[in-house]
């Protein structure tokens, strides 16, 4: 029984050792020189003028959620496209239903004006 689980245990041990090495190695090899510029938050070269804890509009989260949904669509389309010939007409109809459901959601989003910025 030990020889059955040994590769899995070895994999977990190697992953843990690698993670610890990656966390500790920069502290030993890197130079640490604290400056005021390094401790400031960096945002694409723009000097921060407001508090970092201000409220973010819900539109940002909504667009991110929509991106994830439509990105997952491509994840499901790729395997279907690879085995398209083996699935035949049944696979084509199923993918059509899948795309139709996503299109209904997309038109609902457009109707609610979720993608329009004010």
N, C-alpha and C. Protein backbone atom coordinates (compact mmCIF):
# COMPACT_ATOMS: atom_id res chain seq x y z
N UNK A 1 0.81 -1.18 0.00
CA UNK A 1 0.00 0.00 0.00
C UNK A 1 0.87 1.26 0.00
N UNK A 2 2.01 1.20 0.66
CA UNK A 2 2.89 2.36 0.71
C UNK A 2 3.40 2.71 -0.69
N UNK A 3 3.74 1.70 -1.48
CA UNK A 3 4.26 1.98 -2.82
C UNK A 3 3.20 2.58 -3.74
N UNK A 4 1.93 2.41 -3.39
CA UNK A 4 0.86 2.99 -4.20
C UNK A 4 0.78 4.50 -3.98
N UNK A 5 0.90 4.95 -2.73
CA UNK A 5 0.77 6.35 -2.41
C UNK A 5 2.09 7.10 -2.34
N UNK A 6 3.20 6.40 -2.48
CA UNK A 6 4.50 7.06 -2.39
C UNK A 6 4.69 8.16 -3.43
N UNK A 7 4.34 7.95 -4.69
CA UNK A 7 4.52 9.05 -5.66
C UNK A 7 3.70 10.29 -5.32
N UNK A 8 2.50 10.10 -4.78
CA UNK A 8 1.66 11.24 -4.43
C UNK A 8 2.26 11.99 -3.24
N UNK A 9 2.71 11.26 -2.24
CA UNK A 9 3.33 11.88 -1.07
C UNK A 9 4.61 12.60 -1.49
N UNK A 10 5.39 11.98 -2.35
CA UNK A 10 6.61 12.60 -2.84
C UNK A 10 6.31 13.88 -3.60
N UNK A 11 5.26 13.88 -4.39
CA UNK A 11 4.86 15.08 -5.13
C UNK A 11 4.48 16.21 -4.18
N UNK A 12 3.71 15.92 -3.14
CA UNK A 12 3.33 16.94 -2.16
C UNK A 12 4.55 17.47 -1.41
N UNK A 13 5.46 16.59 -1.05
CA UNK A 13 6.67 17.02 -0.34
C UNK A 13 7.52 17.91 -1.23
N UNK A 14 7.71 17.52 -2.48
CA UNK A 14 8.50 18.33 -3.41
C UNK A 14 7.83 19.68 -3.67
N UNK A 15 6.52 19.71 -3.77
CA UNK A 15 5.81 20.98 -3.98
C UNK A 15 5.97 21.89 -2.77
N UNK A 16 5.88 21.33 -1.57
CA UNK A 16 6.04 22.13 -0.35
C UNK A 16 7.47 22.66 -0.23
N UNK A 17 8.45 21.82 -0.51
CA UNK A 17 9.85 22.24 -0.43
C UNK A 17 10.13 23.33 -1.46
N UNK A 18 9.60 23.18 -2.67
CA UNK A 18 9.78 24.19 -3.72
C UNK A 18 9.15 25.51 -3.31
N UNK A 19 7.97 25.47 -2.72
CA UNK A 19 7.30 26.70 -2.29
C UNK A 19 8.09 27.39 -1.19
N UNK A 20 8.60 26.64 -0.23
CA UNK A 20 9.37 27.24 0.85
C UNK A 20 10.66 27.85 0.31
N UNK A 21 11.32 27.15 -0.60
CA UNK A 21 12.56 27.69 -1.19
C UNK A 21 12.27 28.97 -1.95
N UNK A 22 11.18 28.99 -2.72
CA UNK A 22 10.85 30.20 -3.48
C UNK A 22 10.49 31.38 -2.57
N UNK A 23 9.96 31.11 -1.41
CA UNK A 23 9.63 32.19 -0.48
C UNK A 23 10.85 32.70 0.28
N UNK A 24 11.77 31.81 0.60
CA UNK A 24 12.91 32.20 1.42
C UNK A 24 14.12 32.67 0.62
N UNK A 25 14.30 32.20 -0.58
CA UNK A 25 15.48 32.53 -1.38
C UNK A 25 15.63 34.03 -1.64
N UNK A 26 14.60 34.77 -1.97
CA UNK A 26 14.79 36.21 -2.20
C UNK A 26 15.28 36.96 -0.95
N UNK A 27 14.92 36.50 0.24
CA UNK A 27 15.37 37.17 1.45
C UNK A 27 16.87 36.99 1.66
N UNK A 28 17.40 35.88 1.20
CA UNK A 28 18.82 35.63 1.38
C UNK A 28 19.66 36.20 0.25
N UNK A 29 19.16 36.18 -0.97
CA UNK A 29 19.94 36.62 -2.12
C UNK A 29 19.73 38.09 -2.49
N UNK A 30 18.57 38.62 -2.24
CA UNK A 30 18.26 39.98 -2.66
C UNK A 30 18.72 41.03 -1.67
N UNK A 31 18.96 42.23 -2.22
CA UNK A 31 19.32 43.36 -1.37
C UNK A 31 18.03 44.07 -0.98
N UNK A 32 17.93 44.43 0.28
CA UNK A 32 16.74 45.14 0.73
C UNK A 32 17.17 46.52 1.21
N UNK A 33 16.74 47.53 0.45
CA UNK A 33 17.02 48.90 0.82
C UNK A 33 15.69 49.64 0.78
N UNK A 34 15.19 49.96 1.96
CA UNK A 34 13.90 50.62 2.07
C UNK A 34 14.03 52.10 1.70
N UNK A 35 13.17 52.53 0.77
CA UNK A 35 13.10 53.94 0.43
C UNK A 35 11.63 54.37 0.45
N UNK A 36 11.43 55.69 0.46
CA UNK A 36 10.05 56.19 0.47
C UNK A 36 9.34 55.84 -0.84
N UNK A 37 10.04 55.89 -1.95
CA UNK A 37 9.43 55.60 -3.25
C UNK A 37 9.00 54.14 -3.35
N UNK A 38 9.76 53.25 -2.75
CA UNK A 38 9.42 51.83 -2.82
C UNK A 38 8.21 51.49 -1.97
N UNK A 39 7.96 52.27 -0.92
CA UNK A 39 6.84 51.95 -0.04
C UNK A 39 5.53 52.57 -0.52
N UNK A 40 5.57 53.43 -1.53
CA UNK A 40 4.34 54.01 -2.08
C UNK A 40 3.65 53.01 -3.00
N UNK A 41 2.33 53.04 -3.05
CA UNK A 41 1.64 52.17 -4.00
C UNK A 41 1.90 52.64 -5.42
N UNK A 42 2.11 51.70 -6.31
CA UNK A 42 2.42 52.01 -7.71
C UNK A 42 1.23 51.66 -8.57
N UNK A 43 0.80 52.62 -9.37
CA UNK A 43 -0.34 52.36 -10.24
C UNK A 43 -0.04 52.93 -11.63
N UNK A 44 0.67 52.16 -12.43
CA UNK A 44 0.95 52.52 -13.83
C UNK A 44 1.64 53.87 -13.96
N UNK A 45 2.48 54.23 -13.05
CA UNK A 45 3.21 55.49 -13.16
C UNK A 45 2.44 56.70 -12.69
N UNK A 46 1.19 56.53 -12.29
CA UNK A 46 0.37 57.65 -11.84
C UNK A 46 0.55 57.80 -10.33
N UNK A 47 0.84 59.01 -9.92
CA UNK A 47 1.00 59.26 -8.49
C UNK A 47 -0.38 59.18 -7.84
N UNK A 48 -0.53 58.36 -6.79
CA UNK A 48 -1.85 58.25 -6.15
C UNK A 48 -2.24 59.56 -5.46
N UNK A 49 -3.48 59.98 -5.71
CA UNK A 49 -3.95 61.23 -5.12
C UNK A 49 -5.07 61.01 -4.12
N UNK A 50 -5.72 59.85 -4.16
CA UNK A 50 -6.83 59.58 -3.25
C UNK A 50 -6.49 58.39 -2.38
N UNK A 51 -7.39 58.11 -1.47
CA UNK A 51 -7.23 56.97 -0.57
C UNK A 51 -7.44 55.67 -1.34
N UNK A 52 -6.67 54.67 -1.04
CA UNK A 52 -6.77 53.38 -1.74
C UNK A 52 -8.02 52.60 -1.34
N UNK A 53 -8.68 53.00 -0.26
CA UNK A 53 -9.84 52.26 0.21
C UNK A 53 -11.16 52.88 -0.22
N UNK A 54 -11.16 53.60 -1.34
CA UNK A 54 -12.42 54.18 -1.80
C UNK A 54 -13.28 53.11 -2.46
N UNK A 55 -14.56 53.38 -2.57
CA UNK A 55 -15.51 52.41 -3.12
C UNK A 55 -15.31 52.28 -4.63
N UNK A 56 -15.42 51.04 -5.10
CA UNK A 56 -15.30 50.75 -6.53
C UNK A 56 -16.72 50.52 -7.04
N UNK A 57 -17.07 51.14 -8.17
CA UNK A 57 -18.42 50.94 -8.71
C UNK A 57 -18.68 49.47 -9.06
N UNK A 58 -19.93 49.07 -8.92
CA UNK A 58 -20.32 47.68 -9.17
C UNK A 58 -20.13 47.30 -10.63
N UNK A 59 -20.07 48.27 -11.52
CA UNK A 59 -19.89 47.99 -12.96
C UNK A 59 -18.58 47.24 -13.21
N UNK A 60 -17.54 47.54 -12.45
CA UNK A 60 -16.27 46.85 -12.63
C UNK A 60 -16.43 45.35 -12.35
N UNK A 61 -17.12 45.03 -11.28
CA UNK A 61 -17.33 43.63 -10.92
C UNK A 61 -18.24 42.95 -11.94
N UNK A 62 -19.24 43.67 -12.41
CA UNK A 62 -20.16 43.11 -13.39
C UNK A 62 -19.45 42.79 -14.70
N UNK A 63 -18.61 43.70 -15.16
CA UNK A 63 -17.86 43.45 -16.40
C UNK A 63 -16.89 42.29 -16.20
N UNK A 64 -16.27 42.19 -15.04
CA UNK A 64 -15.36 41.07 -14.77
C UNK A 64 -16.12 39.75 -14.77
N UNK A 65 -17.29 39.74 -14.18
CA UNK A 65 -18.11 38.53 -14.16
C UNK A 65 -18.55 38.13 -15.56
N UNK A 66 -18.93 39.11 -16.36
CA UNK A 66 -19.33 38.83 -17.74
C UNK A 66 -18.15 38.31 -18.55
N UNK A 67 -16.97 38.87 -18.31
CA UNK A 67 -15.78 38.37 -19.00
C UNK A 67 -15.53 36.91 -18.67
N UNK A 68 -15.68 36.55 -17.41
CA UNK A 68 -15.47 35.16 -17.02
C UNK A 68 -16.48 34.24 -17.68
N UNK A 69 -17.74 34.65 -17.71
CA UNK A 69 -18.78 33.82 -18.33
C UNK A 69 -18.48 33.59 -19.80
N UNK A 70 -18.18 34.65 -20.53
CA UNK A 70 -17.96 34.49 -21.96
C UNK A 70 -16.58 33.91 -22.26
N UNK A 71 -15.66 33.99 -21.33
CA UNK A 71 -14.38 33.32 -21.49
C UNK A 71 -14.54 31.82 -21.31
N UNK A 72 -15.42 31.42 -20.38
CA UNK A 72 -15.69 29.99 -20.21
C UNK A 72 -16.38 29.40 -21.43
N UNK A 73 -17.09 30.23 -22.16
CA UNK A 73 -17.71 29.75 -23.39
C UNK A 73 -16.65 29.21 -24.34
N UNK A 74 -15.56 29.93 -24.46
CA UNK A 74 -14.50 29.46 -25.37
C UNK A 74 -13.84 28.19 -24.83
N UNK A 75 -13.81 28.04 -23.53
CA UNK A 75 -13.24 26.82 -22.95
C UNK A 75 -14.08 25.61 -23.35
N UNK A 76 -15.40 25.79 -23.43
CA UNK A 76 -16.26 24.68 -23.84
C UNK A 76 -16.33 24.51 -25.35
N UNK A 77 -16.07 25.58 -26.09
CA UNK A 77 -16.12 25.49 -27.56
C UNK A 77 -14.91 24.74 -28.13
N UNK A 78 -13.76 24.87 -27.51
CA UNK A 78 -12.55 24.25 -28.04
C UNK A 78 -12.63 22.72 -28.06
N UNK A 79 -12.97 22.05 -26.96
CA UNK A 79 -13.07 20.59 -27.03
C UNK A 79 -14.15 20.13 -28.01
N UNK A 80 -15.24 20.89 -28.09
CA UNK A 80 -16.30 20.54 -29.05
C UNK A 80 -15.77 20.62 -30.47
N UNK A 81 -14.99 21.65 -30.76
CA UNK A 81 -14.46 21.80 -32.12
C UNK A 81 -13.47 20.69 -32.46
N UNK A 82 -12.78 20.18 -31.46
CA UNK A 82 -11.80 19.12 -31.72
C UNK A 82 -12.49 17.80 -32.07
N UNK A 83 -13.58 17.48 -31.40
CA UNK A 83 -14.27 16.21 -31.64
C UNK A 83 -15.56 16.40 -32.42
N UNK A 84 -15.64 17.47 -33.20
CA UNK A 84 -16.86 17.81 -33.92
C UNK A 84 -17.33 16.69 -34.84
N UNK A 85 -16.44 16.08 -35.59
CA UNK A 85 -16.84 15.04 -36.56
C UNK A 85 -17.39 13.78 -35.87
N UNK A 86 -16.84 13.45 -34.71
CA UNK A 86 -17.33 12.26 -34.01
C UNK A 86 -18.69 12.48 -33.36
N UNK A 87 -19.00 13.71 -32.99
CA UNK A 87 -20.28 13.99 -32.34
C UNK A 87 -21.44 14.03 -33.34
N UNK A 88 -21.15 14.44 -34.54
CA UNK A 88 -22.17 14.45 -35.58
C UNK A 88 -23.25 15.49 -35.35
N UNK A 89 -24.45 15.17 -35.80
CA UNK A 89 -25.56 16.10 -35.73
C UNK A 89 -25.97 16.39 -34.28
N UNK A 90 -25.90 15.37 -33.43
CA UNK A 90 -26.25 15.55 -32.03
C UNK A 90 -25.36 16.61 -31.37
N UNK A 91 -24.07 16.54 -31.62
CA UNK A 91 -23.12 17.50 -31.06
C UNK A 91 -23.36 18.90 -31.59
N UNK A 92 -23.73 18.99 -32.87
CA UNK A 92 -24.02 20.29 -33.46
C UNK A 92 -25.26 20.92 -32.82
N UNK A 93 -26.28 20.13 -32.60
CA UNK A 93 -27.50 20.64 -31.97
C UNK A 93 -27.23 21.05 -30.52
N UNK A 94 -26.50 20.24 -29.79
CA UNK A 94 -26.18 20.56 -28.41
C UNK A 94 -25.38 21.86 -28.31
N UNK A 95 -24.40 22.04 -29.20
CA UNK A 95 -23.61 23.27 -29.16
C UNK A 95 -24.45 24.45 -29.59
N UNK A 96 -25.37 24.24 -30.50
CA UNK A 96 -26.29 25.31 -30.88
C UNK A 96 -27.15 25.75 -29.72
N UNK A 97 -27.64 24.80 -28.93
CA UNK A 97 -28.43 25.13 -27.74
C UNK A 97 -27.56 25.88 -26.73
N UNK A 98 -26.33 25.45 -26.56
CA UNK A 98 -25.41 26.10 -25.63
C UNK A 98 -25.16 27.55 -26.05
N UNK A 99 -24.88 27.77 -27.32
CA UNK A 99 -24.63 29.12 -27.82
C UNK A 99 -25.90 29.96 -27.74
N UNK A 100 -27.04 29.35 -27.99
CA UNK A 100 -28.31 30.07 -27.89
C UNK A 100 -28.56 30.56 -26.46
N UNK A 101 -28.27 29.72 -25.48
CA UNK A 101 -28.43 30.12 -24.07
C UNK A 101 -27.49 31.30 -23.76
N UNK A 102 -26.25 31.23 -24.25
CA UNK A 102 -25.33 32.33 -24.01
C UNK A 102 -25.77 33.60 -24.73
N UNK A 103 -26.33 33.47 -25.93
CA UNK A 103 -26.82 34.64 -26.64
C UNK A 103 -28.01 35.28 -25.93
N UNK A 104 -28.87 34.48 -25.35
CA UNK A 104 -29.99 35.03 -24.58
C UNK A 104 -29.44 35.84 -23.41
N UNK A 105 -28.44 35.32 -22.73
CA UNK A 105 -27.81 36.07 -21.64
C UNK A 105 -27.14 37.34 -22.14
N UNK A 106 -26.50 37.26 -23.29
CA UNK A 106 -25.82 38.43 -23.85
C UNK A 106 -26.82 39.52 -24.21
N UNK A 107 -27.93 39.15 -24.84
CA UNK A 107 -28.93 40.15 -25.19
C UNK A 107 -29.62 40.72 -23.95
N UNK A 108 -29.74 39.92 -22.91
CA UNK A 108 -30.27 40.42 -21.64
C UNK A 108 -29.33 41.48 -21.06
N UNK A 109 -28.03 41.21 -21.15
CA UNK A 109 -27.03 42.17 -20.65
C UNK A 109 -27.11 43.46 -21.44
N UNK A 110 -27.26 43.35 -22.75
CA UNK A 110 -27.36 44.54 -23.58
C UNK A 110 -28.65 45.30 -23.25
N UNK A 111 -29.75 44.59 -23.05
CA UNK A 111 -31.02 45.24 -22.72
C UNK A 111 -30.93 45.99 -21.40
N UNK A 112 -30.24 45.43 -20.43
CA UNK A 112 -30.09 46.07 -19.12
C UNK A 112 -29.01 47.15 -19.13
N UNK A 113 -28.35 47.33 -20.26
CA UNK A 113 -27.30 48.33 -20.46
C UNK A 113 -26.15 48.16 -19.47
N UNK A 114 -25.77 46.92 -19.24
CA UNK A 114 -24.71 46.64 -18.27
C UNK A 114 -23.32 46.97 -18.83
N UNK A 115 -23.18 47.00 -20.14
CA UNK A 115 -21.88 47.26 -20.74
C UNK A 115 -21.68 48.72 -21.13
N UNK A 116 -22.64 49.58 -20.86
CA UNK A 116 -22.50 50.99 -21.22
C UNK A 116 -22.02 51.79 -20.01
N UNK A 117 -20.96 52.55 -20.23
CA UNK A 117 -20.39 53.37 -19.17
C UNK A 117 -21.03 54.75 -19.23
N UNK A 118 -21.27 55.32 -18.10
CA UNK A 118 -21.90 56.64 -18.03
C UNK A 118 -20.87 57.72 -17.75
